[in-house]
Amino acid sequence: MMGEKPKVWIFYSSRTEPELLTFYADGLAYLKDHEIEMEVIDISEDTKKAKEFDVSSTPTVLIEKEGEVIEEYEVISYLDGILERDELKRIFEES
């Protein structure tokens, strides 16, 4: 598929979910291995970016393509596995 590669925004709080990035290390490695741009925002440190994207709960994952958010996943038992390698693979192979 031609066009701009997607970008993944991960909003979390190091105060309430300090283990999130460790727990999903395999999925985050998938993004890096497939050169999918990713930005991790700790809303405990950067509230400005959370406000810009209207993120009010964490963790939240946004998938942006061509400058537009095309998917949004909010806190559901740690995103119901959205940051796991197999789920990320499914999402990006379908888009």
PDB file of N, CA and C in Angstrom:
ATOM      1  N   MET A   1       0.837  -1.172   0.000  1.00  0.00           N
ATOM      2  CA  MET A   1       0.000   0.000   0.000  1.00  0.00           C
ATOM      3  C   MET A   1       0.884   1.237   0.000  1.00  0.00           C
ATOM      4  N   MET A   2       0.637   2.169  -0.886  1.00  0.00           N
ATOM      5  CA  MET A   2       1.435   3.383  -1.010  1.00  0.00           C
ATOM      6  C   MET A   2       0.941   4.411  -0.001  1.00  0.00           C
ATOM      7  N   GLY A   3       1.722   5.455   0.158  1.00  0.00           N
ATOM      8  CA  GLY A   3       1.305   6.526   1.062  1.00  0.00           C
ATOM      9  C   GLY A   3       2.161   6.560   2.304  1.00  0.00           C
ATOM     10  N   GLU A   4       1.801   7.448   3.150  1.00  0.00           N
ATOM     11  CA  GLU A   4       2.537   7.672   4.383  1.00  0.00           C
ATOM     12  C   GLU A   4       2.383   6.505   5.337  1.00  0.00           C
ATOM     13  N   LYS A   5       3.484   6.152   5.985  1.00  0.00           N
ATOM     14  CA  LYS A   5       3.427   5.083   6.985  1.00  0.00           C
ATOM     15  C   LYS A   5       2.642   5.572   8.201  1.00  0.00           C
ATOM     16  N   PRO A   6       1.990   4.657   8.879  1.00  0.00           N
ATOM     17  CA  PRO A   6       1.249   5.057  10.076  1.00  0.00           C
ATOM     18  C   PRO A   6       2.195   5.441  11.212  1.00  0.00           C
ATOM     19  N   LYS A   7       1.651   6.162  12.161  1.00  0.00           N
ATOM     20  CA  LYS A   7       2.379   6.527  13.372  1.00  0.00           C
ATOM     21  C   LYS A   7       1.528   6.092  14.555  1.00  0.00           C
ATOM     22  N   VAL A   8       2.179   5.567  15.556  1.00  0.00           N
ATOM     23  CA  VAL A   8       1.490   5.100  16.748  1.00  0.00           C
ATOM     24  C   VAL A   8       1.840   6.030  17.909  1.00  0.00           C
ATOM     25  N   TRP A   9       0.803   6.529  18.560  1.00  0.00           N
ATOM     26  CA  TRP A   9       0.959   7.362  19.748  1.00  0.00           C
ATOM     27  C   TRP A   9       0.528   6.526  20.940  1.00  0.00           C
ATOM     28  N   ILE A  10       1.374   6.415  21.937  1.00  0.00           N
ATOM     29  CA  ILE A  10       1.043   5.656  23.144  1.00  0.00           C
ATOM     30  C   ILE A  10       1.065   6.633  24.312  1.00  0.00           C
ATOM     31  N   PHE A  11      -0.100   6.815  24.904  1.00  0.00           N
ATOM     32  CA  PHE A  11      -0.228   7.687  26.067  1.00  0.00           C
ATOM     33  C   PHE A  11      -0.380   6.798  27.293  1.00  0.00           C
ATOM     34  N   TYR A  12       0.461   7.034  28.289  1.00  0.00           N
ATOM     35  CA  TYR A  12       0.366   6.265  29.522  1.00  0.00           C
ATOM     36  C   TYR A  12       0.833   7.152  30.669  1.00  0.00           C
ATOM     37  N   SER A  13       0.682   6.664  31.868  1.00  0.00           N
ATOM     38  CA  SER A  13       1.143   7.400  33.042  1.00  0.00           C
ATOM     39  C   SER A  13       2.145   6.546  33.800  1.00  0.00           C
ATOM     40  N   SER A  14       3.345   7.068  33.963  1.00  0.00           N
ATOM     41  CA  SER A  14       4.358   6.316  34.709  1.00  0.00           C
ATOM     42  C   SER A  14       3.967   6.197  36.184  1.00  0.00           C
ATOM     43  N   ARG A  15       3.038   7.018  36.622  1.00  0.00           N
ATOM     44  CA  ARG A  15       2.581   6.955  38.016  1.00  0.00           C
ATOM     45  C   ARG A  15       1.604   5.809  38.233  1.00  0.00           C
ATOM     46  N   THR A  16       0.704   5.567  37.281  1.00  0.00           N
ATOM     47  CA  THR A  16      -0.320   4.541  37.475  1.00  0.00           C
ATOM     48  C   THR A  16      -0.074   3.269  36.664  1.00  0.00           C
ATOM     49  N   GLU A  17       0.706   3.344  35.603  1.00  0.00           N
ATOM     50  CA  GLU A  17       1.027   2.150  34.785  1.00  0.00           C
ATOM     51  C   GLU A  17       2.528   2.049  34.533  1.00  0.00           C
ATOM     52  N   PRO A  18       3.350   2.055  35.569  1.00  0.00           N
ATOM     53  CA  PRO A  18       4.795   2.079  35.359  1.00  0.00           C
ATOM     54  C   PRO A  18       5.326   0.859  34.598  1.00  0.00           C
ATOM     55  N   GLU A  19       4.590  -0.250  34.650  1.00  0.00           N
ATOM     56  CA  GLU A  19       5.053  -1.476  34.001  1.00  0.00           C
ATOM     57  C   GLU A  19       4.587  -1.606  32.547  1.00  0.00           C
ATOM     58  N   LEU A  20       3.802  -0.675  32.063  1.00  0.00           N
ATOM     59  CA  LEU A  20       3.202  -0.806  30.730  1.00  0.00           C
ATOM     60  C   LEU A  20       4.238  -1.035  29.639  1.00  0.00           C
ATOM     61  N   LEU A  21       5.271  -0.229  29.571  1.00  0.00           N
ATOM     62  CA  LEU A  21       6.257  -0.347  28.497  1.00  0.00           C
ATOM     63  C   LEU A  21       7.051  -1.642  28.602  1.00  0.00           C
ATOM     64  N   THR A  22       7.298  -2.100  29.810  1.00  0.00           N
ATOM     65  CA  THR A  22       7.988  -3.372  30.001  1.00  0.00           C
ATOM     66  C   THR A  22       7.081  -4.529  29.605  1.00  0.00           C
ATOM     67  N   PHE A  23       5.820  -4.461  30.028  1.00  0.00           N
ATOM     68  CA  PHE A  23       4.850  -5.518  29.743  1.00  0.00           C
ATOM     69  C   PHE A  23       4.666  -5.719  28.237  1.00  0.00           C
ATOM     70  N   TYR A  24       4.696  -4.633  27.463  1.00  0.00           N
ATOM     71  CA  TYR A  24       4.484  -4.717  26.019  1.00  0.00           C
ATOM     72  C   TYR A  24       5.767  -4.535  25.214  1.00  0.00           C
ATOM     73  N   ALA A  25       6.901  -4.876  25.790  1.00  0.00           N
ATOM     74  CA  ALA A  25       8.183  -4.706  25.109  1.00  0.00           C
ATOM     75  C   ALA A  25       8.221  -5.425  23.760  1.00  0.00           C
ATOM     76  N   ASP A  26       7.609  -6.600  23.664  1.00  0.00           N
ATOM     77  CA  ASP A  26       7.617  -7.364  22.413  1.00  0.00           C
ATOM     78  C   ASP A  26       6.842  -6.630  21.312  1.00  0.00           C
ATOM     79  N   GLY A  27       5.701  -6.085  21.655  1.00  0.00           N
ATOM     80  CA  GLY A  27       4.919  -5.325  20.682  1.00  0.00           C
ATOM     81  C   GLY A  27       5.615  -4.043  20.268  1.00  0.00           C
ATOM     82  N   LEU A  28       6.247  -3.370  21.212  1.00  0.00           N
ATOM     83  CA  LEU A  28       6.991  -2.152  20.893  1.00  0.00           C
ATOM     84  C   LEU A  28       8.185  -2.484  19.995  1.00  0.00           C
ATOM     85  N   ALA A  29       8.802  -3.636  20.219  1.00  0.00           N
ATOM     86  CA  ALA A  29       9.897  -4.087  19.356  1.00  0.00           C
ATOM     87  C   ALA A  29       9.374  -4.347  17.935  1.00  0.00           C
ATOM     88  N   TYR A  30       8.160  -4.878  17.818  1.00  0.00           N
ATOM     89  CA  TYR A  30       7.546  -5.096  16.503  1.00  0.00           C
ATOM     90  C   TYR A  30       7.453  -3.771  15.740  1.00  0.00           C
ATOM     91  N   LEU A  31       6.977  -2.729  16.412  1.00  0.00           N
ATOM     92  CA  LEU A  31       6.859  -1.420  15.755  1.00  0.00           C
ATOM     93  C   LEU A  31       8.229  -0.946  15.269  1.00  0.00           C
ATOM     94  N   LYS A  32       9.214  -1.067  16.117  1.00  0.00           N
ATOM     95  CA  LYS A  32      10.565  -0.634  15.756  1.00  0.00           C
ATOM     96  C   LYS A  32      11.117  -1.474  14.602  1.00  0.00           C
ATOM     97  N   ASP A  33      10.949  -2.782  14.677  1.00  0.00           N
ATOM     98  CA  ASP A  33      11.453  -3.689  13.635  1.00  0.00           C
ATOM     99  C   ASP A  33      10.829  -3.404  12.273  1.00  0.00           C
ATOM    100  N   HIS A  34       9.572  -2.927  12.273  1.00  0.00           N
ATOM    101  CA  HIS A  34       8.867  -2.649  11.022  1.00  0.00           C
ATOM    102  C   HIS A  34       8.881  -1.167  10.666  1.00  0.00           C
ATOM    103  N   GLU A  35       9.763  -0.445  11.361  1.00  0.00           N
ATOM    104  CA  GLU A  35       9.970   0.980  11.101  1.00  0.00           C
ATOM    105  C   GLU A  35       8.667   1.770  11.114  1.00  0.00           C
ATOM    106  N   ILE A  36       7.800   1.415  12.056  1.00  0.00           N
ATOM    107  CA  ILE A  36       6.559   2.151  12.263  1.00  0.00           C
ATOM    108  C   ILE A  36       6.855   3.203  13.332  1.00  0.00           C
ATOM    109  N   GLU A  37       6.675   4.444  12.948  1.00  0.00           N
ATOM    110  CA  GLU A  37       6.990   5.527  13.859  1.00  0.00           C
ATOM    111  C   GLU A  37       6.111   5.443  15.098  1.00  0.00           C
ATOM    112  N   MET A  38       6.733   5.676  16.235  1.00  0.00           N
ATOM    113  CA  MET A  38       6.023   5.545  17.500  1.00  0.00           C
ATOM    114  C   MET A  38       6.452   6.689  18.407  1.00  0.00           C
ATOM    115  N   GLU A  39       5.486   7.236  19.117  1.00  0.00           N
ATOM    116  CA  GLU A  39       5.807   8.231  20.128  1.00  0.00           C
ATOM    117  C   GLU A  39       5.113   7.833  21.414  1.00  0.00           C
ATOM    118  N   VAL A  40       5.892   7.723  22.472  1.00  0.00           N
ATOM    119  CA  VAL A  40       5.374   7.351  23.776  1.00  0.00           C
ATOM    120  C   VAL A  40       5.319   8.616  24.624  1.00  0.00           C
ATOM    121  N   ILE A  41       4.127   8.916  25.102  1.00  0.00           N
ATOM    122  CA  ILE A  41       3.938  10.112  25.911  1.00  0.00           C
ATOM    123  C   ILE A  41       3.518   9.713  27.314  1.00  0.00           C
ATOM    124  N   ASP A  42       4.320  10.116  28.273  1.00  0.00           N
ATOM    125  CA  ASP A  42       3.988   9.913  29.679  1.00  0.00           C
ATOM    126  C   ASP A  42       3.206  11.147  30.117  1.00  0.00           C
ATOM    127  N   ILE A  43       1.894  10.996  30.303  1.00  0.00           N
ATOM    128  CA  ILE A  43       1.079  12.166  30.617  1.00  0.00           C
ATOM    129  C   ILE A  43       1.382  12.731  32.003  1.00  0.00           C
ATOM    130  N   SER A  44       2.115  11.979  32.807  1.00  0.00           N
ATOM    131  CA  SER A  44       2.573  12.520  34.085  1.00  0.00           C
ATOM    132  C   SER A  44       3.611  13.608  33.845  1.00  0.00           C
ATOM    133  N   GLU A  45       4.282  13.533  32.704  1.00  0.00           N
ATOM    134  CA  GLU A  45       5.340  14.482  32.355  1.00  0.00           C
ATOM    135  C   GLU A  45       4.896  15.487  31.291  1.00  0.00           C
ATOM    136  N   ASP A  46       4.021  15.078  30.374  1.00  0.00           N
ATOM    137  CA  ASP A  46       3.637  15.915  29.230  1.00  0.00           C
ATOM    138  C   ASP A  46       2.123  15.983  29.086  1.00  0.00           C
ATOM    139  N   THR A  47       1.495  16.837  29.862  1.00  0.00           N
ATOM    140  CA  THR A  47       0.036  16.963  29.792  1.00  0.00           C
ATOM    141  C   THR A  47      -0.403  17.720  28.536  1.00  0.00           C
ATOM    142  N   LYS A  48       0.474  18.519  27.987  1.00  0.00           N
ATOM    143  CA  LYS A  48       0.153  19.327  26.801  1.00  0.00           C
ATOM    144  C   LYS A  48      -0.216  18.436  25.607  1.00  0.00           C
ATOM    145  N   LYS A  49       0.567  17.417  25.365  1.00  0.00           N
ATOM    146  CA  LYS A  49       0.313  16.511  24.232  1.00  0.00           C
ATOM    147  C   LYS A  49      -0.984  15.731  24.446  1.00  0.00           C
ATOM    148  N   ALA A  50      -1.252  15.325  25.672  1.00  0.00           N
ATOM    149  CA  ALA A  50      -2.507  14.617  25.974  1.00  0.00           C
ATOM    150  C   ALA A  50      -3.697  15.516  25.688  1.00  0.00           C
ATOM    151  N   LYS A  51      -3.612  16.777  26.062  1.00  0.00           N
ATOM    152  CA  LYS A  51      -4.697  17.727  25.787  1.00  0.00           C
ATOM    153  C   LYS A  51      -4.863  17.939  24.292  1.00  0.00           C
ATOM    154  N   GLU A  52      -3.754  18.008  23.569  1.00  0.00           N
ATOM    155  CA  GLU A  52      -3.809  18.203  22.114  1.00  0.00           C
ATOM    156  C   GLU A  52      -4.607  17.098  21.428  1.00  0.00           C
ATOM    157  N   PHE A  53      -4.466  15.866  21.920  1.00  0.00           N
ATOM    158  CA  PHE A  53      -5.171  14.725  21.331  1.00  0.00           C
ATOM    159  C   PHE A  53      -6.439  14.361  22.099  1.00  0.00           C
ATOM    160  N   ASP A  54      -6.810  15.170  23.080  1.00  0.00           N
ATOM    161  CA  ASP A  54      -8.011  14.958  23.880  1.00  0.00           C
ATOM    162  C   ASP A  54      -8.000  13.584  24.566  1.00  0.00           C
ATOM    163  N   VAL A  55      -6.846  13.220  25.098  1.00  0.00           N
ATOM    164  CA  VAL A  55      -6.701  11.961  25.818  1.00  0.00           C
ATOM    165  C   VAL A  55      -6.969  12.226  27.287  1.00  0.00           C
ATOM    166  N   SER A  56      -7.974  11.536  27.825  1.00  0.00           N
ATOM    167  CA  SER A  56      -8.338  11.764  29.222  1.00  0.00           C
ATOM    168  C   SER A  56      -8.105  10.544  30.105  1.00  0.00           C
ATOM    169  N   SER A  57      -7.871   9.380  29.508  1.00  0.00           N
ATOM    170  CA  SER A  57      -7.605   8.188  30.301  1.00  0.00           C
ATOM    171  C   SER A  57      -6.402   7.466  29.713  1.00  0.00           C
ATOM    172  N   THR A  58      -5.734   6.723  30.564  1.00  0.00           N
ATOM    173  CA  THR A  58      -4.566   5.986  30.103  1.00  0.00           C
ATOM    174  C   THR A  58      -4.693   4.531  30.528  1.00  0.00           C
ATOM    175  N   PRO A  59      -4.065   3.638  29.796  1.00  0.00           N
ATOM    176  CA  PRO A  59      -3.355   3.890  28.564  1.00  0.00           C
ATOM    177  C   PRO A  59      -4.309   4.107  27.387  1.00  0.00           C
ATOM    178  N   THR A  60      -3.860   4.908  26.448  1.00  0.00           N
ATOM    179  CA  THR A  60      -4.583   5.144  25.200  1.00  0.00           C
ATOM    180  C   THR A  60      -3.582   4.998  24.065  1.00  0.00           C
ATOM    181  N   VAL A  61      -4.001   4.317  23.013  1.00  0.00           N
ATOM    182  CA  VAL A  61      -3.174   4.167  21.828  1.00  0.00           C
ATOM    183  C   VAL A  61      -3.933   4.753  20.650  1.00  0.00           C
ATOM    184  N   LEU A  62      -3.265   5.636  19.910  1.00  0.00           N
ATOM    185  CA  LEU A  62      -3.832   6.220  18.702  1.00  0.00           C
ATOM    186  C   LEU A  62      -2.983   5.782  17.526  1.00  0.00           C
ATOM    187  N   ILE A  63      -3.643   5.466  16.427  1.00  0.00           N
ATOM    188  CA  ILE A  63      -2.923   5.139  15.201  1.00  0.00           C
ATOM    189  C   ILE A  63      -3.279   6.214  14.191  1.00  0.00           C
ATOM    190  N   GLU A  64      -2.259   6.898  13.734  1.00  0.00           N
ATOM    191  CA  GLU A  64      -2.426   8.021  12.824  1.00  0.00           C
ATOM    192  C   GLU A  64      -1.885   7.635  11.449  1.00  0.00           C
ATOM    193  N   LYS A  65      -2.608   8.024  10.428  1.00  0.00           N
ATOM    194  CA  LYS A  65      -2.151   7.780   9.059  1.00  0.00           C
ATOM    195  C   LYS A  65      -2.480   9.010   8.246  1.00  0.00           C
ATOM    196  N   GLU A  66      -1.479   9.482   7.516  1.00  0.00           N
ATOM    197  CA  GLU A  66      -1.626  10.673   6.678  1.00  0.00           C
ATOM    198  C   GLU A  66      -2.196  11.839   7.469  1.00  0.00           C
ATOM    199  N   GLY A  67      -1.684  11.999   8.711  1.00  0.00           N
ATOM    200  CA  GLY A  67      -2.059  13.128   9.543  1.00  0.00           C
ATOM    201  C   GLY A  67      -3.405  13.035  10.234  1.00  0.00           C
ATOM    202  N   GLU A  68      -4.078  11.901  10.108  1.00  0.00           N
ATOM    203  CA  GLU A  68      -5.401  11.740  10.709  1.00  0.00           C
ATOM    204  C   GLU A  68      -5.438  10.495  11.584  1.00  0.00           C
ATOM    205  N   VAL A  69      -6.040  10.616  12.769  1.00  0.00           N
ATOM    206  CA  VAL A  69      -6.181   9.460  13.655  1.00  0.00           C
ATOM    207  C   VAL A  69      -7.231   8.535  13.050  1.00  0.00           C
ATOM    208  N   ILE A  70      -6.799   7.306  12.733  1.00  0.00           N
ATOM    209  CA  ILE A  70      -7.713   6.349  12.102  1.00  0.00           C
ATOM    210  C   ILE A  70      -8.219   5.297  13.075  1.00  0.00           C
ATOM    211  N   GLU A  71      -7.502   5.093  14.176  1.00  0.00           N
ATOM    212  CA  GLU A  71      -7.920   4.127  15.199  1.00  0.00           C
ATOM    213  C   GLU A  71      -7.582   4.709  16.563  1.00  0.00           C
ATOM    214  N   GLU A  72      -8.448   4.445  17.530  1.00  0.00           N
ATOM    215  CA  GLU A  72      -8.197   4.871  18.903  1.00  0.00           C
ATOM    216  C   GLU A  72      -8.585   3.744  19.836  1.00  0.00           C
ATOM    217  N   TYR A  73      -7.655   3.390  20.700  1.00  0.00           N
ATOM    218  CA  TYR A  73      -7.879   2.324  21.670  1.00  0.00           C
ATOM    219  C   TYR A  73      -7.655   2.910  23.050  1.00  0.00           C
ATOM    220  N   GLU A  74      -8.664   2.802  23.897  1.00  0.00           N
ATOM    221  CA  GLU A  74      -8.554   3.336  25.250  1.00  0.00           C
ATOM    222  C   GLU A  74      -8.447   2.202  26.252  1.00  0.00           C
ATOM    223  N   VAL A  75      -8.215   2.571  27.483  1.00  0.00           N
ATOM    224  CA  VAL A  75      -7.981   1.609  28.553  1.00  0.00           C
ATOM    225  C   VAL A  75      -9.111   0.581  28.673  1.00  0.00           C
ATOM    226  N   ILE A  76      -8.770  -0.646  28.361  1.00  0.00           N
ATOM    227  CA  ILE A  76      -9.674  -1.789  28.546  1.00  0.00           C
ATOM    228  C   ILE A  76      -8.744  -2.931  28.937  1.00  0.00           C
ATOM    229  N   SER A  77      -8.649  -3.167  30.221  1.00  0.00           N
ATOM    230  CA  SER A  77      -7.707  -4.162  30.751  1.00  0.00           C
ATOM    231  C   SER A  77      -6.383  -4.121  29.979  1.00  0.00           C
ATOM    232  N   TYR A  78      -5.742  -2.999  30.116  1.00  0.00           N
ATOM    233  CA  TYR A  78      -4.492  -2.726  29.392  1.00  0.00           C
ATOM    234  C   TYR A  78      -4.662  -2.929  27.899  1.00  0.00           C
ATOM    235  N   LEU A  79      -5.686  -2.296  27.382  1.00  0.00           N
ATOM    236  CA  LEU A  79      -5.932  -2.225  25.947  1.00  0.00           C
ATOM    237  C   LEU A  79      -6.252  -3.563  25.326  1.00  0.00           C
ATOM    238  N   ASP A  80      -6.669  -4.515  26.143  1.00  0.00           N
ATOM    239  CA  ASP A  80      -7.082  -5.817  25.626  1.00  0.00           C
ATOM    240  C   ASP A  80      -6.044  -6.396  24.667  1.00  0.00           C
ATOM    241  N   GLY A  81      -4.774  -6.168  24.977  1.00  0.00           N
ATOM    242  CA  GLY A  81      -3.702  -6.755  24.176  1.00  0.00           C
ATOM    243  C   GLY A  81      -3.335  -5.989  22.928  1.00  0.00           C
ATOM    244  N   ILE A  82      -3.818  -4.775  22.763  1.00  0.00           N
ATOM    245  CA  ILE A  82      -3.570  -4.023  21.534  1.00  0.00           C
ATOM    246  C   ILE A  82      -2.084  -3.806  21.259  1.00  0.00           C
ATOM    247  N   LEU A  83      -1.276  -3.770  22.288  1.00  0.00           N
ATOM    248  CA  LEU A  83       0.156  -3.558  22.085  1.00  0.00           C
ATOM    249  C   LEU A  83       0.944  -4.856  22.007  1.00  0.00           C
ATOM    250  N   GLU A  84       0.258  -5.972  21.848  1.00  0.00           N
ATOM    251  CA  GLU A  84       0.957  -7.244  21.667  1.00  0.00           C
ATOM    252  C   GLU A  84       1.336  -7.406  20.203  1.00  0.00           C
ATOM    253  N   ARG A  85       2.435  -8.086  19.965  1.00  0.00           N
ATOM    254  CA  ARG A  85       2.980  -8.247  18.618  1.00  0.00           C
ATOM    255  C   ARG A  85       1.934  -8.759  17.615  1.00  0.00           C
ATOM    256  N   ASP A  86       1.212  -9.819  17.951  1.00  0.00           N
ATOM    257  CA  ASP A  86       0.256 -10.403  17.003  1.00  0.00           C
ATOM    258  C   ASP A  86      -0.864  -9.434  16.648  1.00  0.00           C
ATOM    259  N   GLU A  87      -1.343  -8.684  17.639  1.00  0.00           N
ATOM    260  CA  GLU A  87      -2.420  -7.732  17.388  1.00  0.00           C
ATOM    261  C   GLU A  87      -1.928  -6.567  16.537  1.00  0.00           C
ATOM    262  N   LEU A  88      -0.735  -6.071  16.809  1.00  0.00           N
ATOM    263  CA  LEU A  88      -0.172  -4.991  15.990  1.00  0.00           C
ATOM    264  C   LEU A  88       0.039  -5.454  14.550  1.00  0.00           C
ATOM    265  N   LYS A  89       0.519  -6.659  14.404  1.00  0.00           N
ATOM    266  CA  LYS A  89       0.728  -7.225  13.061  1.00  0.00           C
ATOM    267  C   LYS A  89      -0.590  -7.262  12.301  1.00  0.00           C
ATOM    268  N   ARG A  90      -1.657  -7.714  12.962  1.00  0.00           N
ATOM    269  CA  ARG A  90      -2.974  -7.777  12.325  1.00  0.00           C
ATOM    270  C   ARG A  90      -3.431  -6.378  11.897  1.00  0.00           C
ATOM    271  N   ILE A  91      -3.305  -5.417  12.791  1.00  0.00           N
ATOM    272  CA  ILE A  91      -3.744  -4.048  12.496  1.00  0.00           C
ATOM    273  C   ILE A  91      -3.001  -3.486  11.292  1.00  0.00           C
ATOM    274  N   PHE A  92      -1.692  -3.635  11.265  1.00  0.00           N
ATOM    275  CA  PHE A  92      -0.923  -3.011  10.194  1.00  0.00           C
ATOM    276  C   PHE A  92      -0.953  -3.772   8.877  1.00  0.00           C
ATOM    277  N   GLU A  93      -1.242  -5.048   8.923  1.00  0.00           N
ATOM    278  CA  GLU A  93      -1.394  -5.787   7.675  1.00  0.00           C
ATOM    279  C   GLU A  93      -2.738  -5.476   7.029  1.00  0.00           C
ATOM    280  N   GLU A  94      -3.741  -5.106   7.834  1.00  0.00           N
ATOM    281  CA  GLU A  94      -5.065  -4.769   7.299  1.00  0.00           C
ATOM    282  C   GLU A  94      -5.149  -3.330   6.797  1.00  0.00           C
ATOM    283  N   SER A  95      -4.261  -2.451   7.282  1.00  0.00           N
ATOM    284  CA  SER A  95      -4.367  -1.039   6.896  1.00  0.00           C
ATOM    285  C   SER A  95      -3.622  -0.721   5.621  1.00  0.00           C
TER     286      SER A  95
END
